[in-house]
Amino acid sequence: MKPTDLRGILQYIPRFRDRIFVIAIDGAIIADDNFANILLDVAVLRSLNINVVIVHGASAQIQWLADQDKLTPSNVDGTGITDASTLRLAVTVSNQLTHRLLEGLASCDLRGVTSNGIVAYPLGIIQGVDHLFTGKVEKVDVEMFQSLLQQGFIPVVPPLGFDGEGKTYRVNSDSVAVALAVALKAAKIIYVTTHDQFMIQGQVVRQILAAELETLLKTGKADLPEGLRSKAAHAVMACQARIQRVHVINGKVDEGLLHEVFSNEGIGTLIYANEYAQIRPAKKKDIRHIMQLTKKSMQSEELMKRTRANLEKKLNDYFIYEIDRNVVGCVALHVYPDQAKGELAFLCVSPSHEDQGIGRKMIQFVEAKARESGLSQLIVLSTQSFTYFQSKGGFTEGTTEDLPPKRREKYEQSGRKSKILVKPLK
């Protein structure tokens, strides 16, 4: 989807209008050439009445400034020990980055404002080690942030917190994003990093349930680089605190922020808290999406052609696989009650969601529905995907004798010469 495709964007607007997005941008991205484009994407979000809070990191700049001064910072990312000299670096760098963000927002005709609305206290002594000026977020001034948003401002929040005595503490920007999102009841957090999608055990992960990610992190199976491990851990925390969606994207991708928010496939990894994916009966409003989803497969004769009228007539037979309210898969179950047989048909998965087990889940779903209906056998007719049904679905090759009389007649008239596959249902 092109971000300029208004029809693609419009379907999301009712869901996101007047909601809050917390966008957490790594310091390295603020120094990247694509940073100006990210702010343009933010301007698009604001034009659609989506409220935005920006949190920024500073670790890349702290390291750079320390190198220039030939210093060794005690804490770059806000999680270790922060001594006095490192705190000074953090304050200097954070002020510079906040100013750059405010300048960038002004260039997009957006009004930004920074504040001391993050209340922090010392992280304290952990396992006998005093973390000095490293802080943890204790409170978010919700009333202040809500007031700023209501007035049309974009709050810009540095990785710093302040206590009641006016002391400053270095805090991890990932944790600040979570605290803000939870306090403001944000719709989502978007972490903008220098990394592409998560790679876990050699596989690209486009979306993952928070509970599953938590298990992978605890067992050490989430082989993520250091910069993403923090994002992953805080994404799990956010989902456990009822933030439904956390996105991690590469901020170096032009128009990547819009593509992540306003398209089914996105560019990054989505960590989700609830039943993000579901299979449900198709509705009349889904027909257009089903036709778009299956268009290429029908043109290549992988699927038997169906018209809108065909779908409307048999709509009760169709089911869709929905991700975040977007149709990414479909399947049908045609029942022949006199023979106690069912036909699994019109199975299709969006190319952007292939190799994620969606096809197998829909096969299992249809099998369960067939059993609920008291059917004894499931059949599939396929011209190009028969090996998939055999290897993934447990089907074996049958003959025309396995087809119900009405289906056999239609089969012979079509001339497609599909392979007939069958599976007994226990």
Protein backbone atom coordinates (compact mmCIF):
# COMPACT_ATOMS: atom_id res chain seq x y z
CA MET A 1 0.00 0.00 0.00
CA LYS A 2 1.21 3.45 -0.86
CA PRO A 3 0.76 5.93 2.00
CA THR A 4 -0.90 8.18 -0.58
CA ASP A 5 -3.63 5.57 -1.14
CA LEU A 6 -6.41 7.33 0.75
CA ARG A 7 -8.78 4.40 0.47
CA GLY A 8 -6.26 2.25 2.28
CA ILE A 9 -5.79 4.84 5.01
CA LEU A 10 -9.47 5.66 5.49
CA GLN A 11 -10.36 2.24 6.86
CA TYR A 12 -8.08 2.87 9.86
CA ILE A 13 -9.15 6.40 10.71
CA PRO A 14 -12.33 5.61 12.71
CA ARG A 15 -10.28 3.24 14.88
CA PHE A 16 -7.45 5.69 15.58
CA ARG A 17 -9.16 9.08 15.57
CA ASP A 18 -8.56 10.93 18.86
CA ARG A 19 -6.45 8.03 20.19
CA ILE A 20 -2.88 8.47 21.45
CA PHE A 21 0.23 7.00 19.85
CA VAL A 22 3.46 7.05 21.87
CA ILE A 23 6.33 7.16 19.39
CA ALA A 24 9.72 6.36 20.92
CA ILE A 25 12.60 7.35 18.64
CA ASP A 26 16.15 6.14 19.23
CA GLY A 27 18.81 8.85 19.29
CA ALA A 28 20.58 7.20 16.34
CA ILE A 29 17.48 7.75 14.21
CA ILE A 30 17.36 11.46 15.04
CA ALA A 31 20.84 11.67 13.50
CA ASP A 32 19.76 9.75 10.39
CA ASP A 33 18.95 11.33 7.02
CA ASN A 34 15.42 9.86 7.17
CA PHE A 35 14.55 11.67 10.40
CA ALA A 36 12.87 14.55 8.54
CA ASN A 37 10.60 12.06 6.77
CA ILE A 38 9.57 10.53 10.09
CA LEU A 39 8.41 13.95 11.24
CA LEU A 40 6.43 14.32 8.01
CA ASP A 41 4.76 11.00 8.85
CA VAL A 42 3.95 12.40 12.29
CA ALA A 43 2.37 15.40 10.58
CA VAL A 44 0.13 13.04 8.61
CA LEU A 45 -0.95 11.33 11.83
CA ARG A 46 -1.81 14.67 13.39
CA SER A 47 -3.78 15.72 10.30
CA LEU A 48 -5.93 12.61 10.87
CA ASN A 49 -6.64 13.67 14.47
CA ILE A 50 -4.32 11.10 15.98
CA ASN A 51 -2.62 12.45 19.09
CA VAL A 52 1.13 11.89 19.32
CA VAL A 53 3.58 11.87 22.21
CA ILE A 54 7.26 11.62 21.22
CA VAL A 55 9.85 10.05 23.50
CA HIS A 56 13.46 10.14 22.39
CA GLY A 57 16.54 8.20 23.35
CA ALA A 58 20.09 9.55 23.58
CA SER A 59 22.47 6.60 23.87
CA ALA A 60 24.13 7.04 20.47
CA GLN A 61 24.86 10.70 21.13
CA ILE A 62 26.04 10.07 24.69
CA GLN A 63 28.54 7.55 23.37
CA TRP A 64 29.64 9.92 20.62
CA LEU A 65 30.14 12.87 22.97
CA ALA A 66 32.02 10.67 25.43
CA ASP A 67 34.33 9.52 22.65
CA GLN A 68 34.99 13.14 21.67
CA ASP A 69 35.92 14.00 25.26
CA LYS A 70 37.82 10.71 25.70
CA LEU A 71 35.51 9.67 28.49
CA THR A 72 34.08 6.28 29.36
CA PRO A 73 30.40 6.75 30.19
CA SER A 74 29.18 4.63 33.09
CA ASN A 75 25.73 4.21 31.54
CA VAL A 76 24.76 4.73 27.91
CA ASP A 77 21.25 3.29 27.68
CA GLY A 78 19.80 4.34 31.04
CA THR A 79 19.82 0.90 32.65
CA GLY A 80 23.23 0.69 34.34
CA ILE A 81 25.02 2.91 36.81
CA THR A 82 24.95 6.63 36.04
CA ASP A 83 27.72 8.62 37.65
CA ALA A 84 27.82 12.41 37.81
CA SER A 85 29.89 12.89 34.64
CA THR A 86 27.63 10.60 32.61
CA LEU A 87 24.56 12.42 33.92
CA ARG A 88 26.04 15.70 32.67
CA LEU A 89 26.57 14.11 29.24
CA ALA A 90 22.99 12.80 29.27
CA VAL A 91 21.53 16.21 30.15
CA THR A 92 23.62 18.00 27.50
CA VAL A 93 22.76 15.51 24.78
CA SER A 94 19.08 15.27 25.74
CA ASN A 95 18.67 19.03 25.59
CA GLN A 96 20.25 19.10 22.13
CA LEU A 97 18.05 16.28 20.84
CA THR A 98 14.90 17.77 22.32
CA HIS A 99 15.73 21.07 20.64
CA ARG A 100 16.30 19.31 17.31
CA LEU A 101 12.95 17.59 17.61
CA LEU A 102 11.20 20.87 18.38
CA GLU A 103 12.90 22.47 15.37
CA GLY A 104 11.84 19.57 13.16
CA LEU A 105 8.24 19.75 14.32
CA ALA A 106 8.20 23.51 13.68
CA SER A 107 9.40 22.88 10.11
CA CYS A 108 6.32 20.66 9.65
CA ASP A 109 4.05 23.36 11.10
CA LEU A 110 3.55 21.32 14.26
CA ARG A 111 3.75 22.68 17.79
CA GLY A 112 5.91 20.72 20.19
CA VAL A 113 6.60 21.30 23.85
CA THR A 114 8.85 19.71 26.45
CA SER A 115 8.24 19.53 30.18
CA ASN A 116 9.26 18.01 33.50
CA GLY A 117 6.20 15.77 33.62
CA ILE A 118 8.12 12.54 34.26
CA VAL A 119 8.61 12.07 37.99
CA ALA A 120 11.53 9.77 38.76
CA TYR A 121 13.32 8.46 41.81
CA PRO A 122 16.68 6.73 42.15
CA LEU A 123 16.82 3.14 40.96
CA GLY A 124 18.69 2.61 44.21
CA ILE A 125 20.97 -0.14 45.42
CA ILE A 126 20.52 -3.42 43.57
CA GLN A 127 22.48 -6.49 44.67
CA GLY A 128 24.76 -4.24 46.67
CA VAL A 129 25.45 -1.83 43.79
CA ASP A 130 24.36 1.82 44.04
CA HIS A 131 23.08 2.97 40.65
CA LEU A 132 23.63 6.62 41.65
CA PHE A 133 21.84 8.91 39.16
CA THR A 134 20.01 6.19 37.24
CA GLY A 135 16.32 6.64 37.85
CA LYS A 136 13.03 4.82 37.42
CA VAL A 137 9.73 6.39 36.48
CA GLU A 138 7.48 6.71 39.50
CA LYS A 139 4.72 8.89 38.12
CA VAL A 140 3.51 10.61 34.98
CA ASP A 141 1.79 13.99 35.26
CA VAL A 142 -1.26 12.77 33.35
CA GLU A 143 -3.26 15.96 33.74
CA MET A 144 -0.48 18.05 32.23
CA PHE A 145 0.09 15.75 29.26
CA GLN A 146 -3.63 15.46 28.56
CA SER A 147 -3.94 19.25 28.68
CA LEU A 148 -1.10 19.66 26.18
CA LEU A 149 -2.65 17.10 23.82
CA GLN A 150 -6.07 18.73 24.04
CA GLN A 151 -4.49 22.03 23.02
CA GLY A 152 -2.92 20.41 19.95
CA PHE A 153 0.65 20.24 21.23
CA ILE A 154 3.00 17.29 20.70
CA PRO A 155 4.81 16.57 23.97
CA VAL A 156 8.51 15.80 23.45
CA VAL A 157 9.87 13.73 26.32
CA PRO A 158 13.63 13.21 26.93
CA PRO A 159 15.12 10.21 28.75
CA LEU A 160 15.29 12.19 31.97
CA GLY A 161 13.16 12.29 35.09
CA PHE A 162 12.89 14.73 37.98
CA ASP A 163 12.10 14.25 41.64
CA GLY A 164 10.35 16.58 44.08
CA GLU A 165 13.63 18.14 45.15
CA GLY A 166 14.62 19.18 41.63
CA LYS A 167 17.16 16.42 41.08
CA THR A 168 17.59 14.95 37.61
CA TYR A 169 17.93 11.25 36.83
CA ARG A 170 18.85 9.35 33.70
CA VAL A 171 16.00 6.99 32.76
CA ASN A 172 15.70 4.43 29.99
CA SER A 173 13.66 5.87 27.12
CA ASP A 174 11.96 2.51 26.42
CA SER A 175 10.60 2.47 29.97
CA VAL A 176 9.50 6.12 29.68
CA ALA A 177 7.47 5.20 26.59
CA VAL A 178 5.73 2.38 28.47
CA ALA A 179 4.98 4.59 31.49
CA LEU A 180 3.50 7.31 29.29
CA ALA A 181 1.44 4.87 27.23
CA VAL A 182 -0.02 3.20 30.30
CA ALA A 183 -0.76 6.48 32.10
CA LEU A 184 -2.36 8.09 29.02
CA LYS A 185 -4.15 4.88 27.92
CA ALA A 186 -2.49 5.03 24.52
CA ALA A 187 -3.65 2.88 21.62
CA LYS A 188 -0.12 1.79 20.82
CA ILE A 189 3.60 2.33 21.26
CA ILE A 190 5.83 2.55 18.20
CA TYR A 191 9.55 2.03 18.83
CA VAL A 192 11.58 3.58 15.99
CA THR A 193 14.98 1.91 15.85
CA THR A 194 17.85 1.18 13.47
CA HIS A 195 16.79 -2.47 13.12
CA ASP A 196 14.48 -4.36 10.79
CA GLN A 197 11.97 -6.99 11.98
CA PHE A 198 12.81 -9.33 14.82
CA MET A 199 14.79 -12.39 13.77
CA ILE A 200 14.13 -15.23 16.22
CA GLN A 201 15.74 -18.63 15.72
CA GLY A 202 16.59 -17.68 12.15
CA GLN A 203 13.03 -16.69 11.24
CA VAL A 204 11.66 -13.23 10.48
CA VAL A 205 8.90 -12.44 12.99
CA ARG A 206 6.28 -9.98 11.77
CA GLN A 207 3.90 -10.41 14.69
CA ILE A 208 4.08 -12.29 17.96
CA LEU A 209 1.92 -12.70 21.04
CA ALA A 210 3.42 -10.95 24.06
CA ALA A 211 3.18 -14.10 26.18
CA GLU A 212 5.09 -16.07 23.56
CA LEU A 213 7.78 -13.40 23.32
CA GLU A 214 8.09 -13.34 27.12
CA THR A 215 8.75 -17.09 27.13
CA LEU A 216 11.39 -16.76 24.43
CA LEU A 217 13.12 -14.00 26.38
CA LYS A 218 13.09 -15.98 29.63
CA THR A 219 14.44 -19.13 28.01
CA GLY A 220 17.12 -17.25 26.07
CA LYS A 221 15.68 -18.35 22.72
CA ALA A 222 15.01 -14.80 21.54
CA ASP A 223 18.40 -14.23 19.93
CA LEU A 224 17.94 -10.49 19.47
CA PRO A 225 20.65 -7.82 19.32
CA GLU A 226 21.10 -5.71 22.44
CA GLY A 227 19.14 -2.77 21.04
CA LEU A 228 16.09 -4.92 20.35
CA ARG A 229 16.14 -6.98 23.55
CA SER A 230 15.21 -3.87 25.53
CA LYS A 231 12.39 -3.09 23.08
CA ALA A 232 11.13 -6.67 23.28
CA ALA A 233 11.17 -6.74 27.09
CA HIS A 234 9.38 -3.39 27.37
CA ALA A 235 6.87 -4.42 24.71
CA VAL A 236 5.94 -7.40 26.88
CA MET A 237 5.59 -5.08 29.91
CA ALA A 238 3.36 -2.73 27.92
CA CYS A 239 1.08 -5.54 26.74
CA GLN A 240 0.81 -6.87 30.29
CA ALA A 241 -0.28 -3.36 31.31
CA ARG A 242 -3.10 -3.45 28.70
CA ILE A 243 -1.42 -1.62 25.84
CA GLN A 244 -2.80 -3.76 23.02
CA ARG A 245 -0.19 -3.11 20.32
CA VAL A 246 3.54 -2.37 20.36
CA HIS A 247 5.35 -1.93 17.04
CA VAL A 248 9.11 -2.04 16.48
CA ILE A 249 10.17 -0.55 13.13
CA ASN A 250 13.28 0.54 11.27
CA GLY A 251 13.31 4.33 11.22
CA LYS A 252 15.63 4.39 8.21
CA VAL A 253 12.84 3.18 5.91
CA ASP A 254 11.21 6.03 4.01
CA GLU A 255 7.50 6.36 4.90
CA GLY A 256 7.95 3.34 7.15
CA LEU A 257 5.93 4.79 10.02
CA LEU A 258 2.86 5.32 7.84
CA HIS A 259 3.27 1.93 6.22
CA GLU A 260 3.39 0.26 9.62
CA VAL A 261 0.26 2.01 10.85
CA PHE A 262 -1.84 1.99 7.68
CA SER A 263 -1.20 -1.37 6.02
CA ASN A 264 -1.82 -5.01 6.83
CA GLU A 265 1.76 -6.20 6.45
CA GLY A 266 3.69 -3.23 7.93
CA ILE A 267 7.48 -3.08 7.85
CA GLY A 268 8.41 -4.12 11.38
CA THR A 269 7.41 -6.49 14.16
CA LEU A 270 4.13 -6.22 16.04
CA ILE A 271 3.85 -7.47 19.61
CA TYR A 272 0.23 -7.85 20.62
CA ALA A 273 -1.62 -8.47 23.86
CA ASN A 274 -5.04 -9.80 22.95
CA GLU A 275 -6.51 -12.17 20.39
CA TYR A 276 -4.99 -10.18 17.59
CA ALA A 277 -5.81 -12.82 14.97
CA GLN A 278 -9.15 -14.55 14.62
CA ILE A 279 -11.21 -16.61 12.22
CA ARG A 280 -14.80 -15.52 11.90
CA PRO A 281 -17.76 -15.92 9.53
CA ALA A 282 -17.55 -13.64 6.50
CA LYS A 283 -19.92 -10.70 6.30
CA LYS A 284 -21.25 -8.90 3.26
CA LYS A 285 -18.84 -6.02 3.87
CA ASP A 286 -15.94 -8.51 3.61
CA ILE A 287 -16.74 -9.55 0.02
CA ARG A 288 -14.72 -6.73 -1.54
CA HIS A 289 -11.67 -7.70 0.53
CA ILE A 290 -12.10 -11.39 -0.32
CA MET A 291 -12.25 -10.56 -4.04
CA GLN A 292 -9.07 -8.46 -3.78
CA LEU A 293 -7.30 -11.15 -1.74
CA THR A 294 -8.10 -13.95 -4.21
CA LYS A 295 -7.88 -12.03 -7.48
CA LYS A 296 -4.40 -13.24 -8.52
CA SER A 297 -5.09 -16.83 -7.47
CA MET A 298 -8.24 -16.88 -9.58
CA GLN A 299 -6.40 -15.36 -12.54
CA SER A 300 -3.72 -18.06 -12.29
CA GLU A 301 -6.46 -20.71 -11.98
CA GLU A 302 -5.12 -21.81 -8.63
CA LEU A 303 -8.59 -21.06 -7.30
CA MET A 304 -11.85 -21.66 -9.12
CA LYS A 305 -13.34 -18.35 -10.25
CA ARG A 306 -16.09 -16.83 -8.17
CA THR A 307 -18.06 -13.68 -8.77
CA ARG A 308 -19.41 -11.32 -6.15
CA ALA A 309 -22.83 -12.85 -6.79
CA ASN A 310 -21.42 -16.35 -6.12
CA LEU A 311 -19.98 -15.19 -2.83
CA GLU A 312 -23.17 -13.43 -1.76
CA LYS A 313 -25.27 -16.50 -2.55
CA LYS A 314 -23.10 -18.82 -0.43
CA LEU A 315 -21.79 -16.26 2.07
CA ASN A 316 -22.64 -18.45 5.06
CA ASP A 317 -20.08 -20.99 3.81
CA TYR A 318 -17.18 -18.53 3.94
CA PHE A 319 -14.84 -17.60 6.77
CA ILE A 320 -12.07 -15.04 6.97
CA TYR A 321 -8.83 -14.89 8.90
CA GLU A 322 -8.61 -11.41 10.34
CA ILE A 323 -5.57 -9.67 11.78
CA ASP A 324 -6.15 -6.37 13.53
CA ARG A 325 -9.49 -6.12 11.65
CA ASN A 326 -7.84 -6.71 8.29
CA VAL A 327 -8.67 -9.67 6.03
CA VAL A 328 -5.49 -11.66 5.35
CA GLY A 329 -6.99 -15.08 4.61
CA CYS A 330 -10.21 -16.81 3.60
CA VAL A 331 -11.63 -20.30 3.33
CA ALA A 332 -14.99 -21.97 2.66
CA LEU A 333 -16.76 -25.08 3.89
CA HIS A 334 -19.43 -26.38 1.51
CA VAL A 335 -21.57 -29.03 3.18
CA TYR A 336 -23.26 -32.00 1.49
CA PRO A 337 -25.42 -33.30 4.34
CA ASP A 338 -26.93 -36.25 2.47
CA GLN A 339 -23.47 -37.78 2.08
CA ALA A 340 -22.13 -36.44 5.42
CA LYS A 341 -19.28 -34.83 3.49
CA GLY A 342 -17.82 -31.35 3.38
CA GLU A 343 -15.61 -29.58 0.87
CA LEU A 344 -12.80 -27.33 2.04
CA ALA A 345 -12.57 -24.69 -0.68
CA PHE A 346 -11.24 -21.26 -1.62
CA LEU A 347 -8.33 -21.33 0.81
CA CYS A 348 -6.16 -18.27 0.25
CA VAL A 349 -3.61 -16.35 2.34
CA SER A 350 -2.27 -12.88 1.60
CA PRO A 351 1.33 -13.01 0.23
CA SER A 352 2.40 -10.69 3.05
CA HIS A 353 1.31 -13.28 5.62
CA GLU A 354 2.52 -16.49 4.01
CA ASP A 355 4.74 -18.96 5.90
CA GLN A 356 3.18 -18.03 9.23
CA GLY A 357 0.95 -21.05 9.68
CA ILE A 358 -2.25 -19.24 8.75
CA GLY A 359 -3.22 -21.74 6.04
CA ARG A 360 -2.81 -24.65 8.43
CA LYS A 361 -4.89 -22.89 11.09
CA MET A 362 -7.72 -22.37 8.62
CA ILE A 363 -7.58 -26.03 7.57
CA GLN A 364 -7.82 -27.03 11.23
CA PHE A 365 -10.70 -24.60 11.72
CA VAL A 366 -12.66 -26.07 8.81
CA GLU A 367 -12.01 -29.58 10.10
CA ALA A 368 -13.41 -28.59 13.50
CA LYS A 369 -16.49 -27.01 11.88
CA ALA A 370 -17.01 -30.13 9.78
CA ARG A 371 -16.88 -32.35 12.87
CA GLU A 372 -19.32 -30.05 14.68
CA SER A 373 -21.70 -30.56 11.75
CA GLY A 374 -21.43 -34.33 12.08
CA LEU A 375 -19.58 -34.83 8.80
CA SER A 376 -17.53 -37.98 8.28
CA GLN A 377 -15.24 -36.87 5.45
CA LEU A 378 -13.60 -33.71 4.16
CA ILE A 379 -12.64 -33.29 0.51
CA VAL A 380 -10.43 -30.78 -1.29
CA LEU A 381 -10.07 -30.15 -5.02
CA SER A 382 -6.76 -28.57 -6.03
CA THR A 383 -4.88 -27.91 -9.27
CA GLN A 384 -1.68 -26.44 -7.84
CA SER A 385 -1.58 -26.75 -4.05
CA PHE A 386 -2.35 -30.45 -3.61
CA THR A 387 1.08 -31.19 -2.11
CA TYR A 388 0.40 -28.54 0.56
CA PHE A 389 -2.85 -30.20 1.58
CA GLN A 390 -1.13 -33.58 1.67
CA SER A 391 1.89 -32.47 3.73
CA LYS A 392 0.25 -29.88 5.98
CA GLY A 393 -3.36 -31.06 6.15
CA GLY A 394 -3.02 -34.82 6.14
CA PHE A 395 -5.13 -35.35 3.01
CA THR A 396 -4.64 -38.31 0.68
CA GLU A 397 -5.46 -38.65 -3.00
CA GLY A 398 -8.95 -39.85 -3.83
CA THR A 399 -11.08 -40.36 -6.93
CA THR A 400 -14.24 -38.94 -8.45
CA GLU A 401 -16.13 -41.65 -6.57
CA ASP A 402 -15.37 -39.70 -3.36
CA LEU A 403 -17.29 -36.67 -4.61
CA PRO A 404 -20.97 -36.14 -3.78
CA PRO A 405 -23.11 -36.50 -6.99
CA LYS A 406 -23.78 -32.75 -7.31
CA ARG A 407 -20.10 -31.93 -6.81
CA ARG A 408 -19.01 -34.64 -9.25
CA GLU A 409 -21.23 -33.18 -11.94
CA LYS A 410 -19.77 -29.73 -11.40
CA TYR A 411 -16.26 -31.19 -11.38
CA GLU A 412 -16.75 -32.87 -14.75
CA GLN A 413 -18.26 -29.75 -16.30
CA SER A 414 -15.43 -27.47 -15.16
CA GLY A 415 -12.68 -29.25 -17.11
CA ARG A 416 -10.13 -28.19 -14.46
CA LYS A 417 -9.10 -31.80 -13.77
CA SER A 418 -8.24 -30.93 -10.19
CA LYS A 419 -6.70 -33.53 -7.97
CA ILE A 420 -9.24 -34.90 -5.51
CA LEU A 421 -7.99 -35.18 -1.95
CA VAL A 422 -9.86 -36.72 0.96
CA LYS A 423 -9.52 -36.89 4.74
CA PRO A 424 -11.70 -38.97 7.06
CA LEU A 425 -12.95 -37.18 10.15
CA LYS A 426 -12.90 -39.17 13.36
